[in-house]
Structures are given as structure tokens and as C-alpha cells.
């Protein structure tokens, strides 16, 4: 059964619908410990390079964004629970390949190991399977990750919007924002529900300013959300949206023929350092 990011608990409940309360109660179990990811220069560099490689595979293999998203989720959670030895430079690529392999299996996406082998190291299938087991153990076999996506429908429904087309457009724009925001380390400290709420509020501000105040008030009234965390996450999300829009409006299209997700991320990292 293919794992659906919008319906993470479905297989456990069979025909019985799970409640939104179960999602809110379980979401913290599927979060990384953000301080562990950026605690040293080595771990921060390991994370950035690993994400670059995941994006490179997504680009070269034409993977669905959900596969790369899930692989990155596994990477973050694994890194926050596992020591990463500095003396094993090959480990980076083995971890990335294994996270991508696990994500593709969860999504029933055909992905040959030969397609994701990386320059400099060729890993045997048995080695990758052993690494997958290490990752599974670190994640306590919680592979049906609770992400922001299942919370989108709940928040849209709670706002009682009457226009079905507006609901769909808001959901699509919020989904796009969430995909774009997933690699931002500043957002890793926020719960998936808070990220979903912030993405919807940011999307409404952009697409339907007349409903923005009503939608924001409706979402903020949710008993499961922490108001202070929500405000901070909204601010971060809207900053990210504005940066994205500014980059798109000033982009020089002459380089697009040679651009890759890796070089995009590298340029972004350099700008932050400057």
C-alpha cells in the first residue's frame, strides 16, 4: 500500500477513520531534534551536502517532490538521533542513498539503486539494506511520517470557506510553500501542524487578502496550536515567501540551461554566509 503524505495513519485504522486528535498527539514523534542538526560545523555541513544530493537525485531521476520530501524527513530525524562519525566520508552518500531508497519504497516509486549511486562510491545492495536497517532503528520504524500535509484539510475546513475552488487553490499554494520550506533549518523546530497553519495563512495573504483576517483568526483559535509558536512560524514563512518571490522576479534566465538543484542550494548557502 502506497504511503500517502496526506493520510499517514490510514493503514493502522483500516476502515475506521482516525481522528485529528490522533494526528496532533502523534506529530512530535515524527520530528527531529533541531539543535542536534546544527550543533557543530560538521553536522551542519553534513546536512547541507546531504540535502544537495537528495535534490540532485530528484532532479536527475525526475522524482516526485513527495519522495524527496520524505527522504529529507528521514534524514533530519536520523541525524538528530544518531552520531555521525567524521572519519567516514563515504557515510554521507550511503545515508542519502538509503533515505531515498526507503522513501521510494514507501511511495511505491520505481527507483533503481544504480540510478542513485553517486560518484566516488559504489555501494552493494547488501550494504544499502544494512544502512536502511540502521535508519529504521533510529527512527523506531516510524516510516509513515506525520508531516504538515494532513493538517491542511483540517484547517481549511475549520475556516468554513464556502468557495470550493478557493479551498483548492489555497491548499495547492500552501502545499507549494511547504515543499519550498522543508529545507530551511529554522523551521525544523516547529511542529508539522504549526507549519501547515503558517503555510495556509501565508497562502491566504497572497491569494485572498479579503479572507486573510478571518482565516488567520480561525486557524489561530485552534486549541492544539501554541499561539506564540504560530506567530513566529508565520513570520519565518512569510519572509521565505517574500525571498522566493524576489528571487523569481530578479532571476537571470541565461544560466538556466546549466543550473541544477545542487548549485541553487550552494548559492543560497553562500548568500547566507555573506
C-alpha atoms as a PDB file:
ATOM      1  CA  UNK A   1       0.000   0.000   0.000  1.00  0.00           C
ATOM      2  CA  UNK A   2       1.468   3.325  -1.061  1.00  0.00           C
ATOM      3  CA  UNK A   3       2.090   5.794   1.740  1.00  0.00           C
ATOM      4  CA  UNK A   4       0.027   8.964   1.346  1.00  0.00           C
ATOM      5  CA  UNK A   5       1.573  12.055   2.954  1.00  0.00           C
ATOM      6  CA  UNK A   6      -1.933  13.445   3.433  1.00  0.00           C
ATOM      7  CA  UNK A   7      -3.217  10.289   5.128  1.00  0.00           C
ATOM      8  CA  UNK A   8      -0.378   8.906   7.262  1.00  0.00           C
ATOM      9  CA  UNK A   9      -2.384   6.791   9.714  1.00  0.00           C
ATOM     10  CA  UNK A  10      -4.834   5.178   7.309  1.00  0.00           C
ATOM     11  CA  UNK A  11      -3.283   1.703   7.236  1.00  0.00           C
ATOM     12  CA  UNK A  12      -3.483   1.372  11.010  1.00  0.00           C
ATOM     13  CA  UNK A  13      -7.179   2.167  11.175  1.00  0.00           C
ATOM     14  CA  UNK A  14      -8.311   0.091   8.183  1.00  0.00           C
ATOM     15  CA  UNK A  15     -11.901   1.170   7.587  1.00  0.00           C
ATOM     16  CA  UNK A  16     -12.172   3.169  10.798  1.00  0.00           C
ATOM     17  CA  UNK A  17     -11.415   6.849  10.311  1.00  0.00           C
ATOM     18  CA  UNK A  18      -8.820   8.191  12.708  1.00  0.00           C
ATOM     19  CA  UNK A  19      -9.428  11.473  14.441  1.00  0.00           C
ATOM     20  CA  UNK A  20      -7.488  14.699  14.007  1.00  0.00           C
ATOM     21  CA  UNK A  21      -6.693  14.436  17.716  1.00  0.00           C
ATOM     22  CA  UNK A  22      -4.554  11.387  16.981  1.00  0.00           C
ATOM     23  CA  UNK A  23      -2.545  13.353  14.428  1.00  0.00           C
ATOM     24  CA  UNK A  24      -1.874  16.210  16.835  1.00  0.00           C
ATOM     25  CA  UNK A  25      -0.993  13.751  19.595  1.00  0.00           C
ATOM     26  CA  UNK A  26       1.490  11.831  17.431  1.00  0.00           C
ATOM     27  CA  UNK A  27       3.186  14.563  15.409  1.00  0.00           C
ATOM     28  CA  UNK A  28       6.023  15.216  17.889  1.00  0.00           C
ATOM     29  CA  UNK A  29       7.141  11.592  17.497  1.00  0.00           C
ATOM     30  CA  UNK A  30       7.965  12.356  13.850  1.00  0.00           C
ATOM     31  CA  UNK A  31      10.056  15.486  14.416  1.00  0.00           C
ATOM     32  CA  UNK A  32      13.841  15.816  14.540  1.00  0.00           C
ATOM     33  CA  UNK A  33      15.626  17.483  17.417  1.00  0.00           C
ATOM     34  CA  UNK A  34      16.735  20.642  15.534  1.00  0.00           C
ATOM     35  CA  UNK A  35      19.629  21.557  17.825  1.00  0.00           C
ATOM     36  CA  UNK A  36      21.289  18.237  17.020  1.00  0.00           C
ATOM     37  CA  UNK A  37      21.320  19.054  13.296  1.00  0.00           C
ATOM     38  CA  UNK A  38      23.229  22.285  13.667  1.00  0.00           C
ATOM     39  CA  UNK A  39      25.188  21.610  16.867  1.00  0.00           C
ATOM     40  CA  UNK A  40      28.586  21.563  15.128  1.00  0.00           C
ATOM     41  CA  UNK A  41      30.017  22.849  11.870  1.00  0.00           C
ATOM     42  CA  UNK A  42      30.498  19.249  10.722  1.00  0.00           C
ATOM     43  CA  UNK A  43      26.866  18.286  11.308  1.00  0.00           C
ATOM     44  CA  UNK A  44      25.615  21.470   9.637  1.00  0.00           C
ATOM     45  CA  UNK A  45      27.844  20.793   6.612  1.00  0.00           C
ATOM     46  CA  UNK A  46      26.797  17.128   6.532  1.00  0.00           C
ATOM     47  CA  UNK A  47      23.138  18.155   6.465  1.00  0.00           C
ATOM     48  CA  UNK A  48      23.602  20.760   3.711  1.00  0.00           C
ATOM     49  CA  UNK A  49      25.550  18.408   1.476  1.00  0.00           C
ATOM     50  CA  UNK A  50      23.083  15.570   2.064  1.00  0.00           C
ATOM     51  CA  UNK A  51      20.151  17.782   1.051  1.00  0.00           C
ATOM     52  CA  UNK A  52      22.083  18.873  -2.039  1.00  0.00           C
ATOM     53  CA  UNK A  53      22.499  15.237  -3.046  1.00  0.00           C
ATOM     54  CA  UNK A  54      18.813  14.462  -2.462  1.00  0.00           C
ATOM     55  CA  UNK A  55      17.853  17.407  -4.675  1.00  0.00           C
ATOM     56  CA  UNK A  56      20.330  16.256  -7.302  1.00  0.00           C
ATOM     57  CA  UNK A  57      18.753  12.797  -7.423  1.00  0.00           C
ATOM     58  CA  UNK A  58      15.254  14.310  -7.526  1.00  0.00           C
ATOM     59  CA  UNK A  59      16.353  16.425 -10.494  1.00  0.00           C
ATOM     60  CA  UNK A  60      18.226  13.710 -12.395  1.00  0.00           C
ATOM     61  CA  UNK A  61      15.665  10.929 -11.796  1.00  0.00           C
ATOM     62  CA  UNK A  62      12.611  13.170 -12.180  1.00  0.00           C
ATOM     63  CA  UNK A  63      11.241  12.097  -8.804  1.00  0.00           C
ATOM     64  CA  UNK A  64       8.008  13.417  -7.369  1.00  0.00           C
ATOM     65  CA  UNK A  65       8.614  16.152  -4.762  1.00  0.00           C
ATOM     66  CA  UNK A  66       6.944  13.937  -2.152  1.00  0.00           C
ATOM     67  CA  UNK A  67       9.727  11.320  -2.458  1.00  0.00           C
ATOM     68  CA  UNK A  68      12.484  13.882  -1.902  1.00  0.00           C
ATOM     69  CA  UNK A  69      10.431  15.441   0.912  1.00  0.00           C
ATOM     70  CA  UNK A  70      10.058  12.098   2.677  1.00  0.00           C
ATOM     71  CA  UNK A  71      13.754  11.253   2.201  1.00  0.00           C
ATOM     72  CA  UNK A  72      14.706  14.617   3.725  1.00  0.00           C
ATOM     73  CA  UNK A  73      12.356  13.974   6.631  1.00  0.00           C
ATOM     74  CA  UNK A  74      14.087  10.641   7.283  1.00  0.00           C
ATOM     75  CA  UNK A  75      17.492  12.323   7.006  1.00  0.00           C
ATOM     76  CA  UNK A  76      16.659  15.022   9.569  1.00  0.00           C
ATOM     77  CA  UNK A  77      15.162  12.569  12.031  1.00  0.00           C
ATOM     78  CA  UNK A  78      18.044  10.116  11.619  1.00  0.00           C
ATOM     79  CA  UNK A  79      20.704  12.791  12.116  1.00  0.00           C
ATOM     80  CA  UNK A  80      19.043  14.066  15.282  1.00  0.00           C
ATOM     81  CA  UNK A  81      19.139  10.602  16.831  1.00  0.00           C
ATOM     82  CA  UNK A  82      22.413   9.179  15.553  1.00  0.00           C
ATOM     83  CA  UNK A  83      26.062  10.069  15.956  1.00  0.00           C
ATOM     84  CA  UNK A  84      27.747  10.866  12.634  1.00  0.00           C
ATOM     85  CA  UNK A  85      31.452   9.891  12.648  1.00  0.00           C
ATOM     86  CA  UNK A  86      33.713  12.429  10.956  1.00  0.00           C
ATOM     87  CA  UNK A  87      36.289   9.850   9.900  1.00  0.00           C
ATOM     88  CA  UNK A  88      33.943   8.119   7.442  1.00  0.00           C
ATOM     89  CA  UNK A  89      33.412  10.470   4.465  1.00  0.00           C
ATOM     90  CA  UNK A  90      31.608   7.753   2.481  1.00  0.00           C
ATOM     91  CA  UNK A  91      28.848   7.617   5.102  1.00  0.00           C
ATOM     92  CA  UNK A  92      27.194  10.781   3.779  1.00  0.00           C
ATOM     93  CA  UNK A  93      26.369   9.260   0.406  1.00  0.00           C
ATOM     94  CA  UNK A  94      25.353   5.923   1.918  1.00  0.00           C
ATOM     95  CA  UNK A  95      22.877   7.667   4.244  1.00  0.00           C
ATOM     96  CA  UNK A  96      21.436   9.721   1.365  1.00  0.00           C
ATOM     97  CA  UNK A  97      21.039   6.678  -0.897  1.00  0.00           C
ATOM     98  CA  UNK A  98      19.398   4.707   1.914  1.00  0.00           C
ATOM     99  CA  UNK A  99      16.965   7.535   2.787  1.00  0.00           C
ATOM    100  CA  UNK A 100      15.996   7.865  -0.866  1.00  0.00           C
ATOM    101  CA  UNK A 101      15.601   4.107  -1.178  1.00  0.00           C
ATOM    102  CA  UNK A 102      13.319   3.955   1.873  1.00  0.00           C
ATOM    103  CA  UNK A 103      11.255   6.926   0.692  1.00  0.00           C
ATOM    104  CA  UNK A 104      10.797   5.451  -2.788  1.00  0.00           C
ATOM    105  CA  UNK A 105       9.650   2.146  -1.286  1.00  0.00           C
ATOM    106  CA  UNK A 106       7.131   3.930   0.937  1.00  0.00           C
ATOM    107  CA  UNK A 107       5.784   5.830  -2.078  1.00  0.00           C
ATOM    108  CA  UNK A 108       5.858   2.763  -4.390  1.00  0.00           C
ATOM    109  CA  UNK A 109       8.077   4.735  -6.740  1.00  0.00           C
ATOM    110  CA  UNK A 110      10.355   2.691  -9.017  1.00  0.00           C
ATOM    111  CA  UNK A 111      13.922   3.732  -8.236  1.00  0.00           C
ATOM    112  CA  UNK A 112      16.865   1.579  -9.241  1.00  0.00           C
ATOM    113  CA  UNK A 113      19.854   1.563  -6.903  1.00  0.00           C
ATOM    114  CA  UNK A 114      22.056   2.054  -9.956  1.00  0.00           C
ATOM    115  CA  UNK A 115      20.202   5.306 -10.667  1.00  0.00           C
ATOM    116  CA  UNK A 116      21.131   6.798  -7.307  1.00  0.00           C
ATOM    117  CA  UNK A 117      24.705   5.533  -6.946  1.00  0.00           C
ATOM    118  CA  UNK A 118      26.948   8.551  -6.570  1.00  0.00           C
ATOM    119  CA  UNK A 119      30.300   9.489  -7.979  1.00  0.00           C
ATOM    120  CA  UNK A 120      33.227   8.191  -5.967  1.00  0.00           C
ATOM    121  CA  UNK A 121      31.438   5.357  -4.155  1.00  0.00           C
ATOM    122  CA  UNK A 122      29.571   2.306  -5.426  1.00  0.00           C
ATOM    123  CA  UNK A 123      27.678   0.538  -2.656  1.00  0.00           C
ATOM    124  CA  UNK A 124      26.479  -3.050  -2.855  1.00  0.00           C
ATOM    125  CA  UNK A 125      22.770  -3.705  -2.365  1.00  0.00           C
ATOM    126  CA  UNK A 126      23.512  -5.583   0.861  1.00  0.00           C
ATOM    127  CA  UNK A 127      25.376  -2.577   2.274  1.00  0.00           C
ATOM    128  CA  UNK A 128      22.443  -0.287   1.472  1.00  0.00           C
ATOM    129  CA  UNK A 129      19.989  -2.698   3.096  1.00  0.00           C
ATOM    130  CA  UNK A 130      22.083  -2.755   6.283  1.00  0.00           C
ATOM    131  CA  UNK A 131      22.137   1.045   6.336  1.00  0.00           C
ATOM    132  CA  UNK A 132      18.366   1.089   5.824  1.00  0.00           C
ATOM    133  CA  UNK A 133      18.003  -1.080   8.931  1.00  0.00           C
ATOM    134  CA  UNK A 134      20.183   1.328  10.928  1.00  0.00           C
ATOM    135  CA  UNK A 135      17.968   4.232   9.826  1.00  0.00           C
ATOM    136  CA  UNK A 136      14.800   2.256  10.586  1.00  0.00           C
ATOM    137  CA  UNK A 137      16.111   1.513  14.071  1.00  0.00           C
ATOM    138  CA  UNK A 138      16.987   5.156  14.747  1.00  0.00           C
ATOM    139  CA  UNK A 139      13.502   6.210  13.608  1.00  0.00           C
ATOM    140  CA  UNK A 140      11.894   3.407  15.664  1.00  0.00           C
ATOM    141  CA  UNK A 141      10.365   2.117  12.429  1.00  0.00           C
ATOM    142  CA  UNK A 142       8.086   5.166  12.237  1.00  0.00           C
ATOM    143  CA  UNK A 143       8.254   5.496   8.471  1.00  0.00           C
ATOM    144  CA  UNK A 144       4.720   6.791   7.914  1.00  0.00           C
ATOM    145  CA  UNK A 145       5.863  10.295   8.789  1.00  0.00           C
ATOM    146  CA  UNK A 146       3.343  12.800  10.069  1.00  0.00           C
ATOM    147  CA  UNK A 147       4.074  15.898   8.009  1.00  0.00           C
ATOM    148  CA  UNK A 148       2.210  19.216   7.596  1.00  0.00           C
ATOM    149  CA  UNK A 149       0.103  17.888   4.701  1.00  0.00           C
ATOM    150  CA  UNK A 150      -2.652  16.020   6.622  1.00  0.00           C
ATOM    151  CA  UNK A 151      -3.365  19.135   8.672  1.00  0.00           C
ATOM    152  CA  UNK A 152      -4.165  21.317   5.649  1.00  0.00           C
ATOM    153  CA  UNK A 153      -7.664  19.914   5.129  1.00  0.00           C
ATOM    154  CA  UNK A 154      -8.461  20.287   8.833  1.00  0.00           C
ATOM    155  CA  UNK A 155      -7.504  23.970   8.944  1.00  0.00           C
ATOM    156  CA  UNK A 156      -9.246  24.774   5.660  1.00  0.00           C
ATOM    157  CA  UNK A 157     -12.417  23.075   6.905  1.00  0.00           C
ATOM    158  CA  UNK A 158     -12.294  24.894  10.227  1.00  0.00           C
ATOM    159  CA  UNK A 159     -12.292  28.235   8.399  1.00  0.00           C
ATOM    160  CA  UNK A 160     -15.689  27.427   6.853  1.00  0.00           C
ATOM    161  CA  UNK A 161     -14.834  28.809   3.436  1.00  0.00           C
ATOM    162  CA  UNK A 162     -17.773  28.425   1.066  1.00  0.00           C
ATOM    163  CA  UNK A 163     -15.908  28.685  -2.241  1.00  0.00           C
ATOM    164  CA  UNK A 164     -14.643  25.182  -3.100  1.00  0.00           C
ATOM    165  CA  UNK A 165     -12.336  26.494  -5.817  1.00  0.00           C
ATOM    166  CA  UNK A 166     -10.755  28.888  -3.310  1.00  0.00           C
ATOM    167  CA  UNK A 167     -10.207  25.987  -0.911  1.00  0.00           C
ATOM    168  CA  UNK A 168      -8.390  24.037  -3.604  1.00  0.00           C
ATOM    169  CA  UNK A 169      -6.230  26.975  -4.665  1.00  0.00           C
ATOM    170  CA  UNK A 170      -5.300  27.692  -1.042  1.00  0.00           C
ATOM    171  CA  UNK A 171      -4.375  24.062  -0.471  1.00  0.00           C
ATOM    172  CA  UNK A 172      -2.241  23.942  -3.614  1.00  0.00           C
ATOM    173  CA  UNK A 173      -0.411  27.158  -2.738  1.00  0.00           C
ATOM    174  CA  UNK A 174       0.141  26.072   0.869  1.00  0.00           C
ATOM    175  CA  UNK A 175       1.483  22.729  -0.384  1.00  0.00           C
ATOM    176  CA  UNK A 176       3.921  24.549  -2.631  1.00  0.00           C
ATOM    177  CA  UNK A 177       5.077  26.718   0.275  1.00  0.00           C
ATOM    178  CA  UNK A 178       5.599  23.650   2.474  1.00  0.00           C
ATOM    179  CA  UNK A 179       7.693  21.902  -0.171  1.00  0.00           C
ATOM    180  CA  UNK A 180       9.807  25.039  -0.629  1.00  0.00           C
ATOM    181  CA  UNK A 181      10.253  25.489   3.118  1.00  0.00           C
ATOM    182  CA  UNK A 182      11.240  21.942   4.004  1.00  0.00           C
ATOM    183  CA  UNK A 183      14.992  22.510   3.688  1.00  0.00           C
ATOM    184  CA  UNK A 184      15.027  25.602   5.930  1.00  0.00           C
ATOM    185  CA  UNK A 185      16.623  24.539   9.200  1.00  0.00           C
ATOM    186  CA  UNK A 186      14.902  27.364  11.090  1.00  0.00           C
ATOM    187  CA  UNK A 187      11.536  25.686  10.550  1.00  0.00           C
ATOM    188  CA  UNK A 188      12.562  22.294  11.912  1.00  0.00           C
ATOM    189  CA  UNK A 189      11.767  23.317  15.478  1.00  0.00           C
ATOM    190  CA  UNK A 190       8.090  23.814  14.632  1.00  0.00           C
ATOM    191  CA  UNK A 191       5.508  21.058  14.707  1.00  0.00           C
ATOM    192  CA  UNK A 192       4.045  19.895  11.372  1.00  0.00           C
ATOM    193  CA  UNK A 193       0.644  21.306  12.361  1.00  0.00           C
ATOM    194  CA  UNK A 194       2.171  24.722  13.019  1.00  0.00           C
ATOM    195  CA  UNK A 195       3.951  24.665   9.657  1.00  0.00           C
ATOM    196  CA  UNK A 196       0.705  23.710   7.910  1.00  0.00           C
ATOM    197  CA  UNK A 197      -1.191  26.512   9.649  1.00  0.00           C
ATOM    198  CA  UNK A 198       1.527  29.045   8.798  1.00  0.00           C
ATOM    199  CA  UNK A 199       1.649  27.956   5.157  1.00  0.00           C
ATOM    200  CA  UNK A 200      -2.118  28.359   4.796  1.00  0.00           C
ATOM    201  CA  UNK A 201      -2.075  31.779   6.410  1.00  0.00           C
ATOM    202  CA  UNK A 202       0.778  32.854   4.125  1.00  0.00           C
ATOM    203  CA  UNK A 203      -1.075  31.483   1.103  1.00  0.00           C
ATOM    204  CA  UNK A 204      -4.266  33.318   2.045  1.00  0.00           C
ATOM    205  CA  UNK A 205      -2.391  36.573   2.455  1.00  0.00           C
ATOM    206  CA  UNK A 206      -1.052  36.152  -1.058  1.00  0.00           C
ATOM    207  CA  UNK A 207      -4.162  34.831  -2.818  1.00  0.00           C
ATOM    208  CA  UNK A 208      -7.243  36.093  -0.983  1.00  0.00           C
ATOM    209  CA  UNK A 209      -6.492  39.156   1.124  1.00  0.00           C
ATOM    210  CA  UNK A 210     -10.185  39.690   1.876  1.00  0.00           C
ATOM    211  CA  UNK A 211     -10.393  36.356   3.713  1.00  0.00           C
ATOM    212  CA  UNK A 212      -6.939  36.633   5.279  1.00  0.00           C
ATOM    213  CA  UNK A 213      -8.027  38.098   8.635  1.00  0.00           C
ATOM    214  CA  UNK A 214     -10.893  35.639   9.017  1.00  0.00           C
ATOM    215  CA  UNK A 215      -8.769  32.638   8.043  1.00  0.00           C
ATOM    216  CA  UNK A 216      -5.910  33.611  10.333  1.00  0.00           C
ATOM    217  CA  UNK A 217      -8.246  34.133  13.293  1.00  0.00           C
ATOM    218  CA  UNK A 218      -9.962  30.802  12.645  1.00  0.00           C
ATOM    219  CA  UNK A 219      -6.682  28.885  12.498  1.00  0.00           C
ATOM    220  CA  UNK A 220      -5.188  30.691  15.497  1.00  0.00           C
ATOM    221  CA  UNK A 221      -8.217  29.683  17.560  1.00  0.00           C
ATOM    222  CA  UNK A 222      -7.330  26.002  17.190  1.00  0.00           C
ATOM    223  CA  UNK A 223      -6.867  24.512  20.661  1.00  0.00           C
ATOM    224  CA  UNK A 224      -3.964  22.327  19.503  1.00  0.00           C
ATOM    225  CA  UNK A 225      -1.759  25.227  18.378  1.00  0.00           C
ATOM    226  CA  UNK A 226       0.593  27.293  20.517  1.00  0.00           C
ATOM    227  CA  UNK A 227      -0.073  30.932  19.677  1.00  0.00           C
ATOM    228  CA  UNK A 228       3.500  32.180  20.205  1.00  0.00           C
ATOM    229  CA  UNK A 229       4.976  29.409  18.071  1.00  0.00           C
ATOM    230  CA  UNK A 230       2.399  30.063  15.378  1.00  0.00           C
ATOM    231  CA  UNK A 231       3.220  33.783  15.206  1.00  0.00           C
ATOM    232  CA  UNK A 232       6.964  33.097  14.951  1.00  0.00           C
ATOM    233  CA  UNK A 233       6.454  30.419  12.303  1.00  0.00           C
ATOM    234  CA  UNK A 234       4.182  32.698  10.254  1.00  0.00           C
ATOM    235  CA  UNK A 235       6.843  35.417  10.305  1.00  0.00           C
ATOM    236  CA  UNK A 236       9.508  32.961   9.123  1.00  0.00           C
ATOM    237  CA  UNK A 237       7.220  31.551   6.448  1.00  0.00           C
ATOM    238  CA  UNK A 238       6.283  34.948   5.067  1.00  0.00           C
ATOM    239  CA  UNK A 239       9.940  36.010   4.986  1.00  0.00           C
ATOM    240  CA  UNK A 240      10.700  32.876   2.991  1.00  0.00           C
ATOM    241  CA  UNK A 241       7.794  33.536   0.595  1.00  0.00           C
ATOM    242  CA  UNK A 242       8.975  37.107   0.002  1.00  0.00           C
ATOM    243  CA  UNK A 243      12.550  35.927  -0.632  1.00  0.00           C
ATOM    244  CA  UNK A 244      11.272  33.368  -3.124  1.00  0.00           C
ATOM    245  CA  UNK A 245       9.170  35.963  -4.932  1.00  0.00           C
ATOM    246  CA  UNK A 246      12.074  38.413  -5.010  1.00  0.00           C
ATOM    247  CA  UNK A 247      14.403  35.763  -6.416  1.00  0.00           C
ATOM    248  CA  UNK A 248      11.884  34.783  -9.088  1.00  0.00           C
ATOM    249  CA  UNK A 249      11.330  38.399 -10.149  1.00  0.00           C
ATOM    250  CA  UNK A 250      15.041  39.164 -10.487  1.00  0.00           C
ATOM    251  CA  UNK A 251      16.224  35.814 -11.822  1.00  0.00           C
ATOM    252  CA  UNK A 252      18.648  35.810 -14.744  1.00  0.00           C
ATOM    253  CA  UNK A 253      17.309  33.142 -17.103  1.00  0.00           C
ATOM    254  CA  UNK A 254      20.563  32.924 -19.068  1.00  0.00           C
ATOM    255  CA  UNK A 255      22.008  30.420 -16.594  1.00  0.00           C
ATOM    256  CA  UNK A 256      19.014  28.047 -16.534  1.00  0.00           C
ATOM    257  CA  UNK A 257      20.468  25.628 -19.070  1.00  0.00           C
ATOM    258  CA  UNK A 258      23.315  24.794 -16.690  1.00  0.00           C
ATOM    259  CA  UNK A 259      21.505  25.176 -13.365  1.00  0.00           C
ATOM    260  CA  UNK A 260      20.824  22.236 -11.056  1.00  0.00           C
ATOM    261  CA  UNK A 261      19.217  21.949  -7.609  1.00  0.00           C
ATOM    262  CA  UNK A 262      22.710  21.464  -6.161  1.00  0.00           C
ATOM    263  CA  UNK A 263      24.039  24.753  -7.491  1.00  0.00           C
ATOM    264  CA  UNK A 264      20.865  26.526  -6.394  1.00  0.00           C
ATOM    265  CA  UNK A 265      21.338  25.320  -2.825  1.00  0.00           C
ATOM    266  CA  UNK A 266      25.060  26.120  -2.886  1.00  0.00           C
ATOM    267  CA  UNK A 267      24.385  29.687  -3.988  1.00  0.00           C
ATOM    268  CA  UNK A 268      21.744  30.029  -1.274  1.00  0.00           C
ATOM    269  CA  UNK A 269      24.180  28.790   1.385  1.00  0.00           C
ATOM    270  CA  UNK A 270      26.850  31.226   0.205  1.00  0.00           C
ATOM    271  CA  UNK A 271      24.423  34.158   0.391  1.00  0.00           C
ATOM    272  CA  UNK A 272      23.523  33.264   3.985  1.00  0.00           C
ATOM    273  CA  UNK A 273      27.190  33.125   4.968  1.00  0.00           C
ATOM    274  CA  UNK A 274      27.861  36.523   3.391  1.00  0.00           C
END
